[in-house]
Amino acid sequence: MMIEINWMTYLMIILASYRFTHLIVFDKITEFIRKPFLRKKSIKDSYGHTETKDVPTSKFGYLLNCYWCAGVWSALFMALGYLYIPEIALPIIFIFSIAGAQAILETFVGVGVKLVDYLKRN
């Protein structure tokens, strides 16, 4: 089965996958999904400082906490959705791709704003 995907659709799937992965792994709103699969662990460094980290309790917890792992499954979910149920997947891909592009732009704008603030102070 060979399906041609134009560059715009391909870019949308990439951006949607990026944003969906970030939603799963990092965003506060999905913390309730990750929380049952993570436990707190205190780690002491060589200087005696204690840091508390969330450590996965299972392979599924690792999947929800690993950006690279979740990214593969997110890409698979978006691509297969587009290929097999495009009438449902395309609106979802469209929204997530806009959100993904916006997140990338906001990162660059945020860095620029912080740099300007830093340069003003010095």
N, C-alpha and C. Protein backbone atom coordinates (compact mmCIF):
# COMPACT_ATOMS: atom_id res chain seq x y z
N MET A 1 0.84 -1.18 0.00
CA MET A 1 0.00 0.00 0.00
C MET A 1 0.89 1.24 0.00
N MET A 2 0.88 1.94 -1.09
CA MET A 2 1.68 3.16 -1.20
C MET A 2 0.73 4.35 -1.34
N ILE A 3 0.80 5.23 -0.35
CA ILE A 3 -0.04 6.42 -0.37
C ILE A 3 0.88 7.63 -0.43
N GLU A 4 0.57 8.54 -1.32
CA GLU A 4 1.36 9.76 -1.41
C GLU A 4 0.83 10.78 -0.41
N ILE A 5 1.74 11.34 0.34
CA ILE A 5 1.39 12.38 1.30
C ILE A 5 2.13 13.64 0.89
N ASN A 6 1.40 14.73 0.73
CA ASN A 6 2.06 15.96 0.34
C ASN A 6 2.86 16.53 1.52
N TRP A 7 3.74 17.46 1.23
CA TRP A 7 4.66 17.97 2.25
C TRP A 7 3.92 18.68 3.38
N MET A 8 2.81 19.34 3.08
CA MET A 8 2.05 20.06 4.11
C MET A 8 1.43 19.08 5.11
N THR A 9 0.85 18.00 4.60
CA THR A 9 0.27 16.99 5.47
C THR A 9 1.35 16.33 6.32
N TYR A 10 2.48 16.03 5.70
CA TYR A 10 3.59 15.42 6.41
C TYR A 10 4.07 16.34 7.54
N LEU A 11 4.21 17.61 7.25
CA LEU A 11 4.62 18.59 8.25
C LEU A 11 3.58 18.68 9.37
N MET A 12 2.31 18.65 9.02
CA MET A 12 1.25 18.68 10.03
C MET A 12 1.32 17.46 10.95
N ILE A 13 1.58 16.30 10.38
CA ILE A 13 1.67 15.08 11.19
C ILE A 13 2.88 15.17 12.13
N ILE A 14 3.98 15.71 11.64
CA ILE A 14 5.18 15.88 12.49
C ILE A 14 4.88 16.82 13.65
N LEU A 15 4.29 17.97 13.35
CA LEU A 15 3.99 18.95 14.40
C LEU A 15 2.95 18.42 15.38
N ALA A 16 1.95 17.71 14.86
CA ALA A 16 0.92 17.13 15.73
C ALA A 16 1.53 16.08 16.66
N SER A 17 2.41 15.27 16.12
CA SER A 17 3.07 14.24 16.92
C SER A 17 3.94 14.88 17.99
N TYR A 18 4.65 15.94 17.63
CA TYR A 18 5.48 16.68 18.59
C TYR A 18 4.63 17.20 19.75
N ARG A 19 3.52 17.84 19.43
CA ARG A 19 2.68 18.44 20.47
C ARG A 19 2.00 17.39 21.32
N PHE A 20 1.54 16.30 20.69
CA PHE A 20 0.88 15.22 21.42
C PHE A 20 1.87 14.55 22.38
N THR A 21 3.10 14.36 21.93
CA THR A 21 4.15 13.79 22.79
C THR A 21 4.40 14.68 24.00
N HIS A 22 4.51 15.97 23.75
CA HIS A 22 4.75 16.92 24.84
C HIS A 22 3.58 16.90 25.83
N LEU A 23 2.38 16.80 25.32
CA LEU A 23 1.19 16.73 26.16
C LEU A 23 1.25 15.52 27.09
N ILE A 24 1.63 14.38 26.56
CA ILE A 24 1.70 13.15 27.34
C ILE A 24 2.81 13.20 28.38
N VAL A 25 3.99 13.64 27.99
CA VAL A 25 5.17 13.51 28.84
C VAL A 25 5.37 14.67 29.82
N PHE A 26 5.03 15.89 29.42
CA PHE A 26 5.41 17.06 30.23
C PHE A 26 4.26 17.88 30.81
N ASP A 27 3.16 17.99 30.12
CA ASP A 27 2.13 18.96 30.51
C ASP A 27 1.45 18.60 31.83
N LYS A 28 1.16 19.64 32.60
CA LYS A 28 0.53 19.50 33.91
C LYS A 28 -0.86 18.88 33.79
N ILE A 29 -1.57 19.19 32.72
CA ILE A 29 -2.94 18.73 32.56
C ILE A 29 -3.05 17.21 32.45
N THR A 30 -1.99 16.54 32.02
CA THR A 30 -2.01 15.07 31.91
C THR A 30 -1.22 14.39 33.03
N GLU A 31 -0.88 15.15 34.05
CA GLU A 31 -0.14 14.58 35.18
C GLU A 31 -0.91 13.45 35.85
N PHE A 32 -2.24 13.56 35.88
CA PHE A 32 -3.06 12.53 36.51
C PHE A 32 -2.93 11.18 35.79
N ILE A 33 -2.58 11.20 34.52
CA ILE A 33 -2.37 9.95 33.77
C ILE A 33 -1.02 9.33 34.15
N ARG A 34 0.01 10.17 34.29
CA ARG A 34 1.35 9.68 34.60
C ARG A 34 1.51 9.26 36.06
N LYS A 35 0.86 9.98 36.96
CA LYS A 35 1.08 9.83 38.40
C LYS A 35 0.96 8.39 38.93
N PRO A 36 -0.05 7.61 38.54
CA PRO A 36 -0.14 6.24 39.08
C PRO A 36 1.03 5.33 38.68
N PHE A 37 1.78 5.72 37.67
CA PHE A 37 2.86 4.89 37.16
C PHE A 37 4.25 5.40 37.55
N LEU A 38 4.27 6.40 38.45
CA LEU A 38 5.53 6.98 38.91
C LEU A 38 5.57 6.98 40.43
N ARG A 39 6.79 6.93 40.99
CA ARG A 39 6.95 7.06 42.43
C ARG A 39 8.06 8.07 42.69
N LYS A 40 8.00 8.69 43.85
CA LYS A 40 9.02 9.67 44.24
C LYS A 40 10.24 8.93 44.78
N LYS A 41 11.41 9.40 44.38
CA LYS A 41 12.66 8.82 44.88
C LYS A 41 13.60 9.96 45.24
N SER A 42 14.17 9.91 46.44
CA SER A 42 15.13 10.94 46.87
C SER A 42 16.53 10.49 46.49
N ILE A 43 17.26 11.41 45.87
CA ILE A 43 18.63 11.13 45.43
C ILE A 43 19.54 12.18 46.06
N LYS A 44 20.63 11.71 46.68
CA LYS A 44 21.57 12.62 47.32
C LYS A 44 22.82 12.70 46.44
N ASP A 45 23.25 13.94 46.11
CA ASP A 45 24.45 14.08 45.29
C ASP A 45 25.70 14.12 46.17
N SER A 46 26.85 14.29 45.54
CA SER A 46 28.13 14.25 46.27
C SER A 46 28.30 15.43 47.22
N TYR A 47 27.51 16.48 47.05
CA TYR A 47 27.60 17.65 47.94
C TYR A 47 26.61 17.55 49.10
N GLY A 48 25.83 16.47 49.14
CA GLY A 48 24.87 16.29 50.22
C GLY A 48 23.49 16.87 49.93
N HIS A 49 23.31 17.44 48.75
CA HIS A 49 21.99 17.98 48.39
C HIS A 49 21.06 16.83 48.02
N THR A 50 19.83 16.92 48.49
CA THR A 50 18.83 15.90 48.19
C THR A 50 17.86 16.43 47.14
N GLU A 51 17.64 15.61 46.14
CA GLU A 51 16.71 15.97 45.07
C GLU A 51 15.67 14.86 44.96
N THR A 52 14.41 15.24 44.81
CA THR A 52 13.34 14.27 44.65
C THR A 52 12.97 14.17 43.17
N LYS A 53 12.96 12.94 42.67
CA LYS A 53 12.64 12.72 41.27
C LYS A 53 11.48 11.73 41.15
N ASP A 54 10.74 11.84 40.05
CA ASP A 54 9.72 10.86 39.73
C ASP A 54 10.36 9.74 38.93
N VAL A 55 10.21 8.52 39.42
CA VAL A 55 10.82 7.35 38.79
C VAL A 55 9.70 6.41 38.35
N PRO A 56 9.77 5.92 37.12
CA PRO A 56 8.73 5.00 36.64
C PRO A 56 8.70 3.71 37.46
N THR A 57 7.48 3.19 37.67
CA THR A 57 7.32 1.94 38.41
C THR A 57 7.08 0.75 37.47
N SER A 58 6.91 1.03 36.18
CA SER A 58 6.65 -0.04 35.21
C SER A 58 7.11 0.42 33.83
N LYS A 59 7.04 -0.49 32.88
CA LYS A 59 7.39 -0.13 31.50
C LYS A 59 6.42 0.91 30.95
N PHE A 60 5.16 0.81 31.33
CA PHE A 60 4.18 1.81 30.89
C PHE A 60 4.51 3.17 31.50
N GLY A 61 4.94 3.18 32.76
CA GLY A 61 5.36 4.42 33.41
C GLY A 61 6.56 5.02 32.70
N TYR A 62 7.47 4.16 32.28
CA TYR A 62 8.64 4.63 31.54
C TYR A 62 8.21 5.25 30.21
N LEU A 63 7.25 4.62 29.54
CA LEU A 63 6.72 5.15 28.28
C LEU A 63 6.12 6.53 28.47
N LEU A 64 5.39 6.72 29.56
CA LEU A 64 4.76 8.01 29.82
C LEU A 64 5.75 9.08 30.27
N ASN A 65 6.93 8.67 30.70
CA ASN A 65 7.92 9.60 31.22
C ASN A 65 9.09 9.82 30.26
N CYS A 66 9.16 9.04 29.20
CA CYS A 66 10.27 9.11 28.25
C CYS A 66 9.82 9.82 26.97
N TYR A 67 10.43 10.95 26.69
CA TYR A 67 10.04 11.73 25.52
C TYR A 67 10.28 10.97 24.22
N TRP A 68 11.38 10.27 24.13
CA TRP A 68 11.71 9.54 22.91
C TRP A 68 10.75 8.38 22.69
N CYS A 69 10.44 7.66 23.76
CA CYS A 69 9.52 6.51 23.66
C CYS A 69 8.12 6.98 23.29
N ALA A 70 7.62 7.96 24.01
CA ALA A 70 6.28 8.46 23.74
C ALA A 70 6.20 9.07 22.34
N GLY A 71 7.31 9.64 21.87
CA GLY A 71 7.35 10.23 20.53
C GLY A 71 7.13 9.21 19.43
N VAL A 72 7.70 8.03 19.61
CA VAL A 72 7.51 6.96 18.61
C VAL A 72 6.04 6.55 18.56
N TRP A 73 5.45 6.32 19.74
CA TRP A 73 4.05 5.90 19.78
C TRP A 73 3.12 7.02 19.33
N SER A 74 3.46 8.23 19.64
CA SER A 74 2.66 9.37 19.19
C SER A 74 2.68 9.49 17.67
N ALA A 75 3.86 9.35 17.08
CA ALA A 75 3.99 9.40 15.62
C ALA A 75 3.21 8.27 14.98
N LEU A 76 3.30 7.09 15.56
CA LEU A 76 2.56 5.94 15.05
C LEU A 76 1.05 6.19 15.12
N PHE A 77 0.59 6.70 16.24
CA PHE A 77 -0.82 7.01 16.43
C PHE A 77 -1.32 8.03 15.40
N MET A 78 -0.56 9.11 15.21
CA MET A 78 -0.97 10.15 14.25
C MET A 78 -0.93 9.63 12.81
N ALA A 79 0.12 8.93 12.45
CA ALA A 79 0.26 8.44 11.07
C ALA A 79 -0.79 7.39 10.73
N LEU A 80 -0.97 6.41 11.60
CA LEU A 80 -1.98 5.39 11.33
C LEU A 80 -3.39 5.96 11.35
N GLY A 81 -3.61 6.92 12.24
CA GLY A 81 -4.91 7.60 12.25
C GLY A 81 -5.18 8.28 10.92
N TYR A 82 -4.18 8.96 10.42
CA TYR A 82 -4.32 9.65 9.13
C TYR A 82 -4.55 8.65 7.99
N LEU A 83 -3.83 7.54 8.00
CA LEU A 83 -3.93 6.57 6.91
C LEU A 83 -5.24 5.78 6.92
N TYR A 84 -5.75 5.44 8.12
CA TYR A 84 -6.90 4.55 8.18
C TYR A 84 -8.23 5.23 8.51
N ILE A 85 -8.20 6.32 9.26
CA ILE A 85 -9.44 7.04 9.57
C ILE A 85 -9.22 8.55 9.42
N PRO A 86 -8.90 8.97 8.20
CA PRO A 86 -8.55 10.38 7.98
C PRO A 86 -9.66 11.37 8.35
N GLU A 87 -10.93 10.98 8.21
CA GLU A 87 -12.01 11.91 8.53
C GLU A 87 -12.07 12.24 10.02
N ILE A 88 -11.57 11.36 10.86
CA ILE A 88 -11.49 11.63 12.30
C ILE A 88 -10.12 12.21 12.66
N ALA A 89 -9.07 11.64 12.10
CA ALA A 89 -7.71 12.02 12.48
C ALA A 89 -7.30 13.40 11.97
N LEU A 90 -7.75 13.77 10.80
CA LEU A 90 -7.30 15.03 10.20
C LEU A 90 -7.65 16.26 11.05
N PRO A 91 -8.87 16.38 11.58
CA PRO A 91 -9.12 17.54 12.46
C PRO A 91 -8.24 17.54 13.71
N ILE A 92 -7.99 16.36 14.27
CA ILE A 92 -7.12 16.25 15.45
C ILE A 92 -5.69 16.64 15.08
N ILE A 93 -5.21 16.13 13.96
CA ILE A 93 -3.86 16.47 13.48
C ILE A 93 -3.76 17.96 13.22
N PHE A 94 -4.78 18.53 12.62
CA PHE A 94 -4.79 19.97 12.32
C PHE A 94 -4.64 20.79 13.59
N ILE A 95 -5.43 20.48 14.61
CA ILE A 95 -5.38 21.24 15.87
C ILE A 95 -4.04 21.06 16.58
N PHE A 96 -3.59 19.80 16.69
CA PHE A 96 -2.31 19.54 17.36
C PHE A 96 -1.13 20.15 16.58
N SER A 97 -1.22 20.19 15.25
CA SER A 97 -0.12 20.77 14.48
C SER A 97 -0.03 22.28 14.69
N ILE A 98 -1.16 22.94 14.78
CA ILE A 98 -1.15 24.38 15.08
C ILE A 98 -0.56 24.60 16.47
N ALA A 99 -1.00 23.80 17.44
CA ALA A 99 -0.48 23.92 18.81
C ALA A 99 1.01 23.62 18.87
N GLY A 100 1.46 22.64 18.09
CA GLY A 100 2.89 22.30 18.06
C GLY A 100 3.73 23.42 17.48
N ALA A 101 3.26 23.98 16.36
CA ALA A 101 4.00 25.11 15.76
C ALA A 101 4.02 26.30 16.70
N GLN A 102 2.90 26.56 17.35
CA GLN A 102 2.83 27.67 18.30
C GLN A 102 3.80 27.46 19.45
N ALA A 103 3.91 26.22 19.94
CA ALA A 103 4.82 25.93 21.05
C ALA A 103 6.27 26.16 20.64
N ILE A 104 6.61 25.76 19.42
CA ILE A 104 7.97 25.97 18.93
C ILE A 104 8.25 27.47 18.79
N LEU A 105 7.32 28.20 18.21
CA LEU A 105 7.49 29.65 18.07
C LEU A 105 7.61 30.33 19.44
N GLU A 106 6.78 29.91 20.38
CA GLU A 106 6.82 30.50 21.72
C GLU A 106 8.16 30.24 22.40
N THR A 107 8.75 29.10 22.14
CA THR A 107 10.07 28.80 22.71
C THR A 107 11.10 29.81 22.21
N PHE A 108 11.09 30.07 20.90
CA PHE A 108 12.04 31.03 20.34
C PHE A 108 11.75 32.45 20.82
N VAL A 109 10.50 32.83 20.87
CA VAL A 109 10.13 34.16 21.35
C VAL A 109 10.52 34.31 22.82
N GLY A 110 10.25 33.26 23.62
CA GLY A 110 10.60 33.29 25.04
C GLY A 110 12.09 33.45 25.26
N VAL A 111 12.89 32.74 24.47
CA VAL A 111 14.35 32.86 24.57
C VAL A 111 14.77 34.28 24.19
N GLY A 112 14.17 34.81 23.13
CA GLY A 112 14.49 36.17 22.69
C GLY A 112 14.14 37.20 23.75
N VAL A 113 12.98 37.06 24.37
CA VAL A 113 12.55 37.99 25.41
C VAL A 113 13.49 37.91 26.61
N LYS A 114 13.87 36.70 27.01
CA LYS A 114 14.79 36.53 28.13
C LYS A 114 16.15 37.14 27.81
N LEU A 115 16.60 36.99 26.57
CA LEU A 115 17.88 37.55 26.16
C LEU A 115 17.82 39.08 26.22
N VAL A 116 16.74 39.67 25.73
CA VAL A 116 16.59 41.13 25.76
C VAL A 116 16.58 41.62 27.21
N ASP A 117 15.84 40.92 28.07
CA ASP A 117 15.82 41.30 29.50
C ASP A 117 17.20 41.19 30.11
N TYR A 118 17.93 40.15 29.78
CA TYR A 118 19.27 39.95 30.31
C TYR A 118 20.20 41.08 29.85
N LEU A 119 20.12 41.40 28.55
CA LEU A 119 21.00 42.45 28.01
C LEU A 119 20.64 43.82 28.60
N LYS A 120 19.38 44.07 28.89
CA LYS A 120 18.97 45.34 29.51
C LYS A 120 19.56 45.49 30.92
N ARG A 121 19.63 44.37 31.65
CA ARG A 121 20.15 44.41 33.02
C ARG A 121 21.65 44.60 33.07
N ASN A 122 22.37 44.22 32.03
CA ASN A 122 23.83 44.30 32.07
C ASN A 122 24.38 45.45 31.27
